[in-house]
Amino acid sequence: MKESSLCPKLEKAMELIGKRWTPMIIYQLLKGSHRFCEIESSFPISGRLLSERLKELESEGIVKREVFAEVPVRVEYSLTEKGLALAPFMRELEQWSDLYVSIK
């Protein structure tokens, strides 16, 4: 197997951010805390895949899961400081797509 010449940290970041739906989840959470069903209804993603992505982002310290002891139990997801640090990158990507990406 050929070894990558990329910086290992950049390679890991691209692998994480490059997963399907991950950038859209982060983009949604940049607007503030959301419940699972709010995120799920924002784009066509299965609940299973959304749950998987949120767990990955939580394990990387990008997303925080907060459980509120109410009846029924309320769970909200938000970005951590590490996740919020992605905001400039996401804004730049959004501007780039406005300029150069066409939808047919």
PDB file of N, CA and C in Angstrom:
ATOM      1  N   MET A   1       0.828  -1.170   0.000  1.00  0.00           N
ATOM      2  CA  MET A   1       0.000   0.000   0.000  1.00  0.00           C
ATOM      3  C   MET A   1       0.875   1.237   0.000  1.00  0.00           C
ATOM      4  N   LYS A   2       0.537   2.199  -0.853  1.00  0.00           N
ATOM      5  CA  LYS A   2       1.321   3.421  -0.975  1.00  0.00           C
ATOM      6  C   LYS A   2       1.077   4.333   0.220  1.00  0.00           C
ATOM      7  N   GLU A   3       2.153   4.857   0.780  1.00  0.00           N
ATOM      8  CA  GLU A   3       2.046   5.744   1.926  1.00  0.00           C
ATOM      9  C   GLU A   3       1.746   7.162   1.454  1.00  0.00           C
ATOM     10  N   SER A   4       0.900   7.868   2.191  1.00  0.00           N
ATOM     11  CA  SER A   4       0.501   9.226   1.839  1.00  0.00           C
ATOM     12  C   SER A   4       1.628  10.204   2.160  1.00  0.00           C
ATOM     13  N   SER A   5       1.743  11.243   1.328  1.00  0.00           N
ATOM     14  CA  SER A   5       2.750  12.273   1.585  1.00  0.00           C
ATOM     15  C   SER A   5       2.129  13.473   2.299  1.00  0.00           C
ATOM     16  N   LEU A   6       0.822  13.394   2.591  1.00  0.00           N
ATOM     17  CA  LEU A   6       0.158  14.467   3.318  1.00  0.00           C
ATOM     18  C   LEU A   6       0.563  14.459   4.784  1.00  0.00           C
ATOM     19  N   CYS A   7       0.427  15.598   5.412  1.00  0.00           N
ATOM     20  CA  CYS A   7       0.604  15.679   6.854  1.00  0.00           C
ATOM     21  C   CYS A   7      -0.429  14.764   7.500  1.00  0.00           C
ATOM     22  N   PRO A   8      -0.036  13.918   8.432  1.00  0.00           N
ATOM     23  CA  PRO A   8      -0.993  12.982   9.044  1.00  0.00           C
ATOM     24  C   PRO A   8      -2.201  13.681   9.683  1.00  0.00           C
ATOM     25  N   LYS A   9      -1.986  14.862  10.285  1.00  0.00           N
ATOM     26  CA  LYS A   9      -3.104  15.576  10.906  1.00  0.00           C
ATOM     27  C   LYS A   9      -4.060  16.108   9.845  1.00  0.00           C
ATOM     28  N   LEU A  10      -3.532  16.623   8.742  1.00  0.00           N
ATOM     29  CA  LEU A  10      -4.387  17.100   7.655  1.00  0.00           C
ATOM     30  C   LEU A  10      -5.161  15.941   7.054  1.00  0.00           C
ATOM     31  N   GLU A  11      -4.483  14.826   6.881  1.00  0.00           N
ATOM     32  CA  GLU A  11      -5.132  13.646   6.324  1.00  0.00           C
ATOM     33  C   GLU A  11      -6.295  13.189   7.214  1.00  0.00           C
ATOM     34  N   LYS A  12      -6.089  13.164   8.534  1.00  0.00           N
ATOM     35  CA  LYS A  12      -7.147  12.765   9.457  1.00  0.00           C
ATOM     36  C   LYS A  12      -8.297  13.769   9.427  1.00  0.00           C
ATOM     37  N   ALA A  13      -7.975  15.058   9.387  1.00  0.00           N
ATOM     38  CA  ALA A  13      -9.016  16.091   9.335  1.00  0.00           C
ATOM     39  C   ALA A  13      -9.853  15.956   8.074  1.00  0.00           C
ATOM     40  N   MET A  14      -9.202  15.733   6.937  1.00  0.00           N
ATOM     41  CA  MET A  14      -9.930  15.586   5.676  1.00  0.00           C
ATOM     42  C   MET A  14     -10.791  14.327   5.680  1.00  0.00           C
ATOM     43  N   GLU A  15     -10.282  13.270   6.292  1.00  0.00           N
ATOM     44  CA  GLU A  15     -11.040  12.031   6.384  1.00  0.00           C
ATOM     45  C   GLU A  15     -12.303  12.245   7.234  1.00  0.00           C
ATOM     46  N   LEU A  16     -12.161  12.973   8.322  1.00  0.00           N
ATOM     47  CA  LEU A  16     -13.299  13.239   9.210  1.00  0.00           C
ATOM     48  C   LEU A  16     -14.306  14.186   8.558  1.00  0.00           C
ATOM     49  N   ILE A  17     -13.847  15.329   8.082  1.00  0.00           N
ATOM     50  CA  ILE A  17     -14.730  16.346   7.511  1.00  0.00           C
ATOM     51  C   ILE A  17     -15.277  15.902   6.160  1.00  0.00           C
ATOM     52  N   GLY A  18     -14.554  15.037   5.482  1.00  0.00           N
ATOM     53  CA  GLY A  18     -14.970  14.608   4.157  1.00  0.00           C
ATOM     54  C   GLY A  18     -16.047  13.536   4.132  1.00  0.00           C
ATOM     55  N   LYS A  19     -16.445  13.033   5.287  1.00  0.00           N
ATOM     56  CA  LYS A  19     -17.488  12.011   5.306  1.00  0.00           C
ATOM     57  C   LYS A  19     -18.825  12.630   4.911  1.00  0.00           C
ATOM     58  N   ARG A  20     -19.618  11.849   4.204  1.00  0.00           N
ATOM     59  CA  ARG A  20     -20.905  12.328   3.729  1.00  0.00           C
ATOM     60  C   ARG A  20     -21.756  12.825   4.901  1.00  0.00           C
ATOM     61  N   TRP A  21     -22.328  13.965   4.743  1.00  0.00           N
ATOM     62  CA  TRP A  21     -23.228  14.667   5.661  1.00  0.00           C
ATOM     63  C   TRP A  21     -22.508  15.372   6.809  1.00  0.00           C
ATOM     64  N   THR A  22     -21.276  15.049   7.094  1.00  0.00           N
ATOM     65  CA  THR A  22     -20.583  15.675   8.218  1.00  0.00           C
ATOM     66  C   THR A  22     -20.510  17.192   8.077  1.00  0.00           C
ATOM     67  N   PRO A  23     -20.094  17.739   6.922  1.00  0.00           N
ATOM     68  CA  PRO A  23     -20.066  19.201   6.813  1.00  0.00           C
ATOM     69  C   PRO A  23     -21.454  19.833   6.977  1.00  0.00           C
ATOM     70  N   MET A  24     -22.491  19.163   6.496  1.00  0.00           N
ATOM     71  CA  MET A  24     -23.841  19.710   6.613  1.00  0.00           C
ATOM     72  C   MET A  24     -24.316  19.701   8.066  1.00  0.00           C
ATOM     73  N   ILE A  25     -23.938  18.689   8.821  1.00  0.00           N
ATOM     74  CA  ILE A  25     -24.278  18.632  10.245  1.00  0.00           C
ATOM     75  C   ILE A  25     -23.582  19.773  10.975  1.00  0.00           C
ATOM     76  N   ILE A  26     -22.301  19.960  10.704  1.00  0.00           N
ATOM     77  CA  ILE A  26     -21.549  21.045  11.336  1.00  0.00           C
ATOM     78  C   ILE A  26     -22.155  22.390  10.951  1.00  0.00           C
ATOM     79  N   TYR A  27     -22.470  22.569   9.681  1.00  0.00           N
ATOM     80  CA  TYR A  27     -23.069  23.814   9.194  1.00  0.00           C
ATOM     81  C   TYR A  27     -24.389  24.096   9.924  1.00  0.00           C
ATOM     82  N   GLN A  28     -25.201  23.077  10.094  1.00  0.00           N
ATOM     83  CA  GLN A  28     -26.480  23.234  10.797  1.00  0.00           C
ATOM     84  C   GLN A  28     -26.246  23.643  12.247  1.00  0.00           C
ATOM     85  N   LEU A  29     -25.270  23.021  12.900  1.00  0.00           N
ATOM     86  CA  LEU A  29     -25.006  23.317  14.310  1.00  0.00           C
ATOM     87  C   LEU A  29     -24.323  24.661  14.512  1.00  0.00           C
ATOM     88  N   LEU A  30     -23.767  25.243  13.452  1.00  0.00           N
ATOM     89  CA  LEU A  30     -23.211  26.596  13.566  1.00  0.00           C
ATOM     90  C   LEU A  30     -24.306  27.612  13.879  1.00  0.00           C
ATOM     91  N   LYS A  31     -25.544  27.256  13.579  1.00  0.00           N
ATOM     92  CA  LYS A  31     -26.687  28.131  13.850  1.00  0.00           C
ATOM     93  C   LYS A  31     -27.149  28.040  15.300  1.00  0.00           C
ATOM     94  N   GLY A  32     -26.619  27.080  16.046  1.00  0.00           N
ATOM     95  CA  GLY A  32     -26.991  26.907  17.449  1.00  0.00           C
ATOM     96  C   GLY A  32     -27.346  25.466  17.759  1.00  0.00           C
ATOM     97  N   SER A  33     -27.766  25.228  18.997  1.00  0.00           N
ATOM     98  CA  SER A  33     -28.131  23.888  19.448  1.00  0.00           C
ATOM     99  C   SER A  33     -29.368  23.394  18.711  1.00  0.00           C
ATOM    100  N   HIS A  34     -29.372  22.095  18.444  1.00  0.00           N
ATOM    101  CA  HIS A  34     -30.511  21.475  17.766  1.00  0.00           C
ATOM    102  C   HIS A  34     -30.786  20.112  18.365  1.00  0.00           C
ATOM    103  N   ARG A  35     -32.046  19.739  18.343  1.00  0.00           N
ATOM    104  CA  ARG A  35     -32.435  18.387  18.711  1.00  0.00           C
ATOM    105  C   ARG A  35     -32.198  17.478  17.511  1.00  0.00           C
ATOM    106  N   PHE A  36     -32.107  16.182  17.784  1.00  0.00           N
ATOM    107  CA  PHE A  36     -31.837  15.200  16.742  1.00  0.00           C
ATOM    108  C   PHE A  36     -32.835  15.326  15.590  1.00  0.00           C
ATOM    109  N   CYS A  37     -34.122  15.398  15.925  1.00  0.00           N
ATOM    110  CA  CYS A  37     -35.153  15.436  14.880  1.00  0.00           C
ATOM    111  C   CYS A  37     -35.057  16.698  14.029  1.00  0.00           C
ATOM    112  N   GLU A  38     -34.582  17.802  14.611  1.00  0.00           N
ATOM    113  CA  GLU A  38     -34.409  19.040  13.840  1.00  0.00           C
ATOM    114  C   GLU A  38     -33.291  18.891  12.815  1.00  0.00           C
ATOM    115  N   ILE A  39     -32.213  18.259  13.215  1.00  0.00           N
ATOM    116  CA  ILE A  39     -31.101  18.031  12.289  1.00  0.00           C
ATOM    117  C   ILE A  39     -31.542  17.060  11.194  1.00  0.00           C
ATOM    118  N   GLU A  40     -32.202  15.995  11.610  1.00  0.00           N
ATOM    119  CA  GLU A  40     -32.634  14.956  10.673  1.00  0.00           C
ATOM    120  C   GLU A  40     -33.588  15.514   9.618  1.00  0.00           C
ATOM    121  N   SER A  41     -34.453  16.448  10.010  1.00  0.00           N
ATOM    122  CA  SER A  41     -35.420  16.997   9.059  1.00  0.00           C
ATOM    123  C   SER A  41     -34.816  18.064   8.147  1.00  0.00           C
ATOM    124  N   SER A  42     -33.591  18.474   8.422  1.00  0.00           N
ATOM    125  CA  SER A  42     -32.944  19.526   7.630  1.00  0.00           C
ATOM    126  C   SER A  42     -32.427  19.036   6.285  1.00  0.00           C
ATOM    127  N   PHE A  43     -32.111  17.763   6.180  1.00  0.00           N
ATOM    128  CA  PHE A  43     -31.624  17.204   4.924  1.00  0.00           C
ATOM    129  C   PHE A  43     -31.912  15.716   4.875  1.00  0.00           C
ATOM    130  N   PRO A  44     -31.860  15.124   3.688  1.00  0.00           N
ATOM    131  CA  PRO A  44     -32.262  13.711   3.550  1.00  0.00           C
ATOM    132  C   PRO A  44     -31.201  12.733   4.058  1.00  0.00           C
ATOM    133  N   ILE A  45     -31.198  12.524   5.349  1.00  0.00           N
ATOM    134  CA  ILE A  45     -30.246  11.604   5.970  1.00  0.00           C
ATOM    135  C   ILE A  45     -31.039  10.635   6.835  1.00  0.00           C
ATOM    136  N   SER A  46     -30.619   9.399   6.876  1.00  0.00           N
ATOM    137  CA  SER A  46     -31.309   8.425   7.720  1.00  0.00           C
ATOM    138  C   SER A  46     -30.940   8.678   9.181  1.00  0.00           C
ATOM    139  N   GLY A  47     -31.829   8.309  10.060  1.00  0.00           N
ATOM    140  CA  GLY A  47     -31.571   8.472  11.489  1.00  0.00           C
ATOM    141  C   GLY A  47     -30.351   7.693  11.937  1.00  0.00           C
ATOM    142  N   ARG A  48     -30.165   6.508  11.362  1.00  0.00           N
ATOM    143  CA  ARG A  48     -29.016   5.674  11.721  1.00  0.00           C
ATOM    144  C   ARG A  48     -27.700   6.351  11.343  1.00  0.00           C
ATOM    145  N   LEU A  49     -27.654   6.904  10.131  1.00  0.00           N
ATOM    146  CA  LEU A  49     -26.429   7.558   9.676  1.00  0.00           C
ATOM    147  C   LEU A  49     -26.180   8.849  10.451  1.00  0.00           C
ATOM    148  N   LEU A  50     -27.235   9.606  10.722  1.00  0.00           N
ATOM    149  CA  LEU A  50     -27.079  10.834  11.509  1.00  0.00           C
ATOM    150  C   LEU A  50     -26.544  10.503  12.898  1.00  0.00           C
ATOM    151  N   SER A  51     -27.091   9.476  13.510  1.00  0.00           N
ATOM    152  CA  SER A  51     -26.627   9.053  14.829  1.00  0.00           C
ATOM    153  C   SER A  51     -25.153   8.675  14.793  1.00  0.00           C
ATOM    154  N   GLU A  52     -24.746   7.951  13.758  1.00  0.00           N
ATOM    155  CA  GLU A  52     -23.350   7.544  13.593  1.00  0.00           C
ATOM    156  C   GLU A  52     -22.438   8.766  13.459  1.00  0.00           C
ATOM    157  N   ARG A  53     -22.838   9.710  12.611  1.00  0.00           N
ATOM    158  CA  ARG A  53     -22.019  10.906  12.400  1.00  0.00           C
ATOM    159  C   ARG A  53     -21.918  11.739  13.680  1.00  0.00           C
ATOM    160  N   LEU A  54     -23.031  11.902  14.384  1.00  0.00           N
ATOM    161  CA  LEU A  54     -23.006  12.678  15.626  1.00  0.00           C
ATOM    162  C   LEU A  54     -22.103  12.024  16.666  1.00  0.00           C
ATOM    163  N   LYS A  55     -22.129  10.699  16.746  1.00  0.00           N
ATOM    164  CA  LYS A  55     -21.249   9.985  17.682  1.00  0.00           C
ATOM    165  C   LYS A  55     -19.783  10.177  17.304  1.00  0.00           C
ATOM    166  N   GLU A  56     -19.469  10.127  16.013  1.00  0.00           N
ATOM    167  CA  GLU A  56     -18.094  10.352  15.563  1.00  0.00           C
ATOM    168  C   GLU A  56     -17.634  11.760  15.917  1.00  0.00           C
ATOM    169  N   LEU A  57     -18.492  12.748  15.635  1.00  0.00           N
ATOM    170  CA  LEU A  57     -18.142  14.137  15.930  1.00  0.00           C
ATOM    171  C   LEU A  57     -18.021  14.372  17.429  1.00  0.00           C
ATOM    172  N   GLU A  58     -18.843  13.698  18.204  1.00  0.00           N
ATOM    173  CA  GLU A  58     -18.758  13.805  19.660  1.00  0.00           C
ATOM    174  C   GLU A  58     -17.453  13.185  20.168  1.00  0.00           C
ATOM    175  N   SER A  59     -17.085  12.039  19.623  1.00  0.00           N
ATOM    176  CA  SER A  59     -15.849  11.376  20.068  1.00  0.00           C
ATOM    177  C   SER A  59     -14.605  12.180  19.684  1.00  0.00           C
ATOM    178  N   GLU A  60     -14.713  12.996  18.637  1.00  0.00           N
ATOM    179  CA  GLU A  60     -13.599  13.861  18.231  1.00  0.00           C
ATOM    180  C   GLU A  60     -13.603  15.201  18.973  1.00  0.00           C
ATOM    181  N   GLY A  61     -14.603  15.427  19.816  1.00  0.00           N
ATOM    182  CA  GLY A  61     -14.676  16.668  20.587  1.00  0.00           C
ATOM    183  C   GLY A  61     -15.191  17.847  19.792  1.00  0.00           C
ATOM    184  N   ILE A  62     -15.898  17.586  18.699  1.00  0.00           N
ATOM    185  CA  ILE A  62     -16.428  18.646  17.843  1.00  0.00           C
ATOM    186  C   ILE A  62     -17.869  18.974  18.210  1.00  0.00           C
ATOM    187  N   VAL A  63     -18.608  17.959  18.621  1.00  0.00           N
ATOM    188  CA  VAL A  63     -20.019  18.115  18.990  1.00  0.00           C
ATOM    189  C   VAL A  63     -20.198  17.717  20.447  1.00  0.00           C
ATOM    190  N   LYS A  64     -21.081  18.455  21.122  1.00  0.00           N
ATOM    191  CA  LYS A  64     -21.432  18.146  22.506  1.00  0.00           C
ATOM    192  C   LYS A  64     -22.883  17.679  22.528  1.00  0.00           C
ATOM    193  N   ARG A  65     -23.144  16.599  23.223  1.00  0.00           N
ATOM    194  CA  ARG A  65     -24.494  16.055  23.397  1.00  0.00           C
ATOM    195  C   ARG A  65     -24.919  16.368  24.824  1.00  0.00           C
ATOM    196  N   GLU A  66     -26.024  17.062  24.960  1.00  0.00           N
ATOM    197  CA  GLU A  66     -26.503  17.441  26.288  1.00  0.00           C
ATOM    198  C   GLU A  66     -27.892  16.859  26.508  1.00  0.00           C
ATOM    199  N   VAL A  67     -28.042  16.130  27.625  1.00  0.00           N
ATOM    200  CA  VAL A  67     -29.309  15.496  27.976  1.00  0.00           C
ATOM    201  C   VAL A  67     -29.959  16.305  29.086  1.00  0.00           C
ATOM    202  N   PHE A  68     -31.224  16.672  28.877  1.00  0.00           N
ATOM    203  CA  PHE A  68     -31.985  17.429  29.859  1.00  0.00           C
ATOM    204  C   PHE A  68     -32.995  16.497  30.518  1.00  0.00           C
ATOM    205  N   ALA A  69     -32.970  16.451  31.845  1.00  0.00           N
ATOM    206  CA  ALA A  69     -33.850  15.556  32.608  1.00  0.00           C
ATOM    207  C   ALA A  69     -35.255  16.143  32.676  1.00  0.00           C
ATOM    208  N   GLU A  70     -35.964  15.974  31.594  1.00  0.00           N
ATOM    209  CA  GLU A  70     -37.347  16.420  31.499  1.00  0.00           C
ATOM    210  C   GLU A  70     -38.194  15.221  31.106  1.00  0.00           C
ATOM    211  N   VAL A  71     -39.488  15.401  31.104  1.00  0.00           N
ATOM    212  CA  VAL A  71     -40.376  14.347  30.624  1.00  0.00           C
ATOM    213  C   VAL A  71     -41.136  14.890  29.437  1.00  0.00           C
ATOM    214  N   PRO A  72     -40.916  14.375  28.231  1.00  0.00           N
ATOM    215  CA  PRO A  72     -39.913  13.366  27.891  1.00  0.00           C
ATOM    216  C   PRO A  72     -38.503  13.958  27.907  1.00  0.00           C
ATOM    217  N   VAL A  73     -37.517  13.079  27.960  1.00  0.00           N
ATOM    218  CA  VAL A  73     -36.113  13.510  27.987  1.00  0.00           C
ATOM    219  C   VAL A  73     -35.812  14.301  26.712  1.00  0.00           C
ATOM    220  N   ARG A  74     -35.099  15.398  26.878  1.00  0.00           N
ATOM    221  CA  ARG A  74     -34.717  16.235  25.734  1.00  0.00           C
ATOM    222  C   ARG A  74     -33.212  16.128  25.557  1.00  0.00           C
ATOM    223  N   VAL A  75     -32.777  15.897  24.318  1.00  0.00           N
ATOM    224  CA  VAL A  75     -31.353  15.805  23.997  1.00  0.00           C
ATOM    225  C   VAL A  75     -31.057  16.850  22.929  1.00  0.00           C
ATOM    226  N   GLU A  76     -30.041  17.660  23.180  1.00  0.00           N
ATOM    227  CA  GLU A  76     -29.639  18.674  22.207  1.00  0.00           C
ATOM    228  C   GLU A  76     -28.168  18.496  21.854  1.00  0.00           C
ATOM    229  N   TYR A  77     -27.865  18.834  20.618  1.00  0.00           N
ATOM    230  CA  TYR A  77     -26.492  18.764  20.114  1.00  0.00           C
ATOM    231  C   TYR A  77     -26.029  20.178  19.794  1.00  0.00           C
ATOM    232  N   SER A  78     -24.788  20.456  20.128  1.00  0.00           N
ATOM    233  CA  SER A  78     -24.204  21.760  19.820  1.00  0.00           C
ATOM    234  C   SER A  78     -22.723  21.576  19.524  1.00  0.00           C
ATOM    235  N   LEU A  79     -22.123  22.618  18.987  1.00  0.00           N
ATOM    236  CA  LEU A  79     -20.692  22.562  18.702  1.00  0.00           C
ATOM    237  C   LEU A  79     -19.892  22.957  19.936  1.00  0.00           C
ATOM    238  N   THR A  80     -18.790  22.289  20.133  1.00  0.00           N
ATOM    239  CA  THR A  80     -17.845  22.655  21.184  1.00  0.00           C
ATOM    240  C   THR A  80     -16.986  23.810  20.664  1.00  0.00           C
ATOM    241  N   GLU A  81     -16.076  24.259  21.476  1.00  0.00           N
ATOM    242  CA  GLU A  81     -15.134  25.300  21.034  1.00  0.00           C
ATOM    243  C   GLU A  81     -14.352  24.808  19.808  1.00  0.00           C
ATOM    244  N   LYS A  82     -13.971  23.555  19.839  1.00  0.00           N
ATOM    245  CA  LYS A  82     -13.253  22.945  18.716  1.00  0.00           C
ATOM    246  C   LYS A  82     -14.127  22.945  17.464  1.00  0.00           C
ATOM    247  N   GLY A  83     -15.400  22.641  17.619  1.00  0.00           N
ATOM    248  CA  GLY A  83     -16.331  22.647  16.497  1.00  0.00           C
ATOM    249  C   GLY A  83     -16.579  24.045  15.964  1.00  0.00           C
ATOM    250  N   LEU A  84     -16.723  25.007  16.871  1.00  0.00           N
ATOM    251  CA  LEU A  84     -16.944  26.398  16.463  1.00  0.00           C
ATOM    252  C   LEU A  84     -15.742  26.965  15.715  1.00  0.00           C
ATOM    253  N   ALA A  85     -14.562  26.401  15.969  1.00  0.00           N
ATOM    254  CA  ALA A  85     -13.361  26.850  15.261  1.00  0.00           C
ATOM    255  C   ALA A  85     -13.436  26.535  13.771  1.00  0.00           C
ATOM    256  N   LEU A  86     -14.362  25.678  13.369  1.00  0.00           N
ATOM    257  CA  LEU A  86     -14.553  25.351  11.954  1.00  0.00           C
ATOM    258  C   LEU A  86     -15.391  26.418  11.227  1.00  0.00           C
ATOM    259  N   ALA A  87     -15.963  27.364  11.945  1.00  0.00           N
ATOM    260  CA  ALA A  87     -16.844  28.373  11.341  1.00  0.00           C
ATOM    261  C   ALA A  87     -16.181  29.136  10.190  1.00  0.00           C
ATOM    262  N   PRO A  88     -14.962  29.659  10.348  1.00  0.00           N
ATOM    263  CA  PRO A  88     -14.348  30.381   9.211  1.00  0.00           C
ATOM    264  C   PRO A  88     -14.175  29.488   7.987  1.00  0.00           C
ATOM    265  N   PHE A  89     -13.768  28.258   8.202  1.00  0.00           N
ATOM    266  CA  PHE A  89     -13.613  27.294   7.102  1.00  0.00           C
ATOM    267  C   PHE A  89     -14.950  27.070   6.398  1.00  0.00           C
ATOM    268  N   MET A  90     -16.005  26.885   7.174  1.00  0.00           N
ATOM    269  CA  MET A  90     -17.326  26.633   6.595  1.00  0.00           C
ATOM    270  C   MET A  90     -17.828  27.855   5.826  1.00  0.00           C
ATOM    271  N   ARG A  91     -17.585  29.044   6.350  1.00  0.00           N
ATOM    272  CA  ARG A  91     -17.998  30.278   5.645  1.00  0.00           C
ATOM    273  C   ARG A  91     -17.239  30.437   4.330  1.00  0.00           C
ATOM    274  N   GLU A  92     -15.947  30.166   4.363  1.00  0.00           N
ATOM    275  CA  GLU A  92     -15.131  30.247   3.140  1.00  0.00           C
ATOM    276  C   GLU A  92     -15.601  29.235   2.106  1.00  0.00           C
ATOM    277  N   LEU A  93     -15.911  28.034   2.541  1.00  0.00           N
ATOM    278  CA  LEU A  93     -16.407  27.007   1.633  1.00  0.00           C
ATOM    279  C   LEU A  93     -17.751  27.418   1.043  1.00  0.00           C
ATOM    280  N   GLU A  94     -18.593  28.025   1.868  1.00  0.00           N
ATOM    281  CA  GLU A  94     -19.890  28.506   1.386  1.00  0.00           C
ATOM    282  C   GLU A  94     -19.708  29.603   0.332  1.00  0.00           C
ATOM    283  N   GLN A  95     -18.805  30.536   0.586  1.00  0.00           N
ATOM    284  CA  GLN A  95     -18.532  31.600  -0.388  1.00  0.00           C
ATOM    285  C   GLN A  95     -17.960  31.027  -1.680  1.00  0.00           C
ATOM    286  N   TRP A  96     -17.044  30.093  -1.567  1.00  0.00           N
ATOM    287  CA  TRP A  96     -16.457  29.462  -2.740  1.00  0.00           C
ATOM    288  C   TRP A  96     -17.535  28.769  -3.561  1.00  0.00           C
ATOM    289  N   SER A  97     -18.430  28.040  -2.871  1.00  0.00           N
ATOM    290  CA  SER A  97     -19.493  27.331  -3.607  1.00  0.00           C
ATOM    291  C   SER A  97     -20.455  28.309  -4.283  1.00  0.00           C
ATOM    292  N   ASP A  98     -20.728  29.447  -3.635  1.00  0.00           N
ATOM    293  CA  ASP A  98     -21.583  30.463  -4.266  1.00  0.00           C
ATOM    294  C   ASP A  98     -20.970  30.967  -5.576  1.00  0.00           C
ATOM    295  N   LEU A  99     -19.651  31.100  -5.600  1.00  0.00           N
ATOM    296  CA  LEU A  99     -18.955  31.607  -6.771  1.00  0.00           C
ATOM    297  C   LEU A  99     -18.743  30.563  -7.876  1.00  0.00           C
ATOM    298  N   TYR A 100     -18.426  29.338  -7.478  1.00  0.00           N
ATOM    299  CA  TYR A 100     -17.918  28.390  -8.462  1.00  0.00           C
ATOM    300  C   TYR A 100     -18.723  27.110  -8.677  1.00  0.00           C
ATOM    301  N   VAL A 101     -19.687  26.832  -7.841  1.00  0.00           N
ATOM    302  CA  VAL A 101     -20.442  25.595  -7.986  1.00  0.00           C
ATOM    303  C   VAL A 101     -21.779  25.894  -8.651  1.00  0.00           C
ATOM    304  N   SER A 102     -22.054  25.168  -9.730  1.00  0.00           N
ATOM    305  CA  SER A 102     -23.343  25.354 -10.398  1.00  0.00           C
ATOM    306  C   SER A 102     -24.219  24.140 -10.140  1.00  0.00           C
ATOM    307  N   ILE A 103     -25.495  24.393 -10.005  1.00  0.00           N
ATOM    308  CA  ILE A 103     -26.466  23.321  -9.790  1.00  0.00           C
ATOM    309  C   ILE A 103     -27.287  23.184 -11.061  1.00  0.00           C
ATOM    310  N   LYS A 104     -27.334  21.980 -11.564  1.00  0.00           N
ATOM    311  CA  LYS A 104     -28.054  21.754 -12.831  1.00  0.00           C
ATOM    312  C   LYS A 104     -29.356  21.056 -12.580  1.00  0.00           C
TER     313      LYS A 104
END
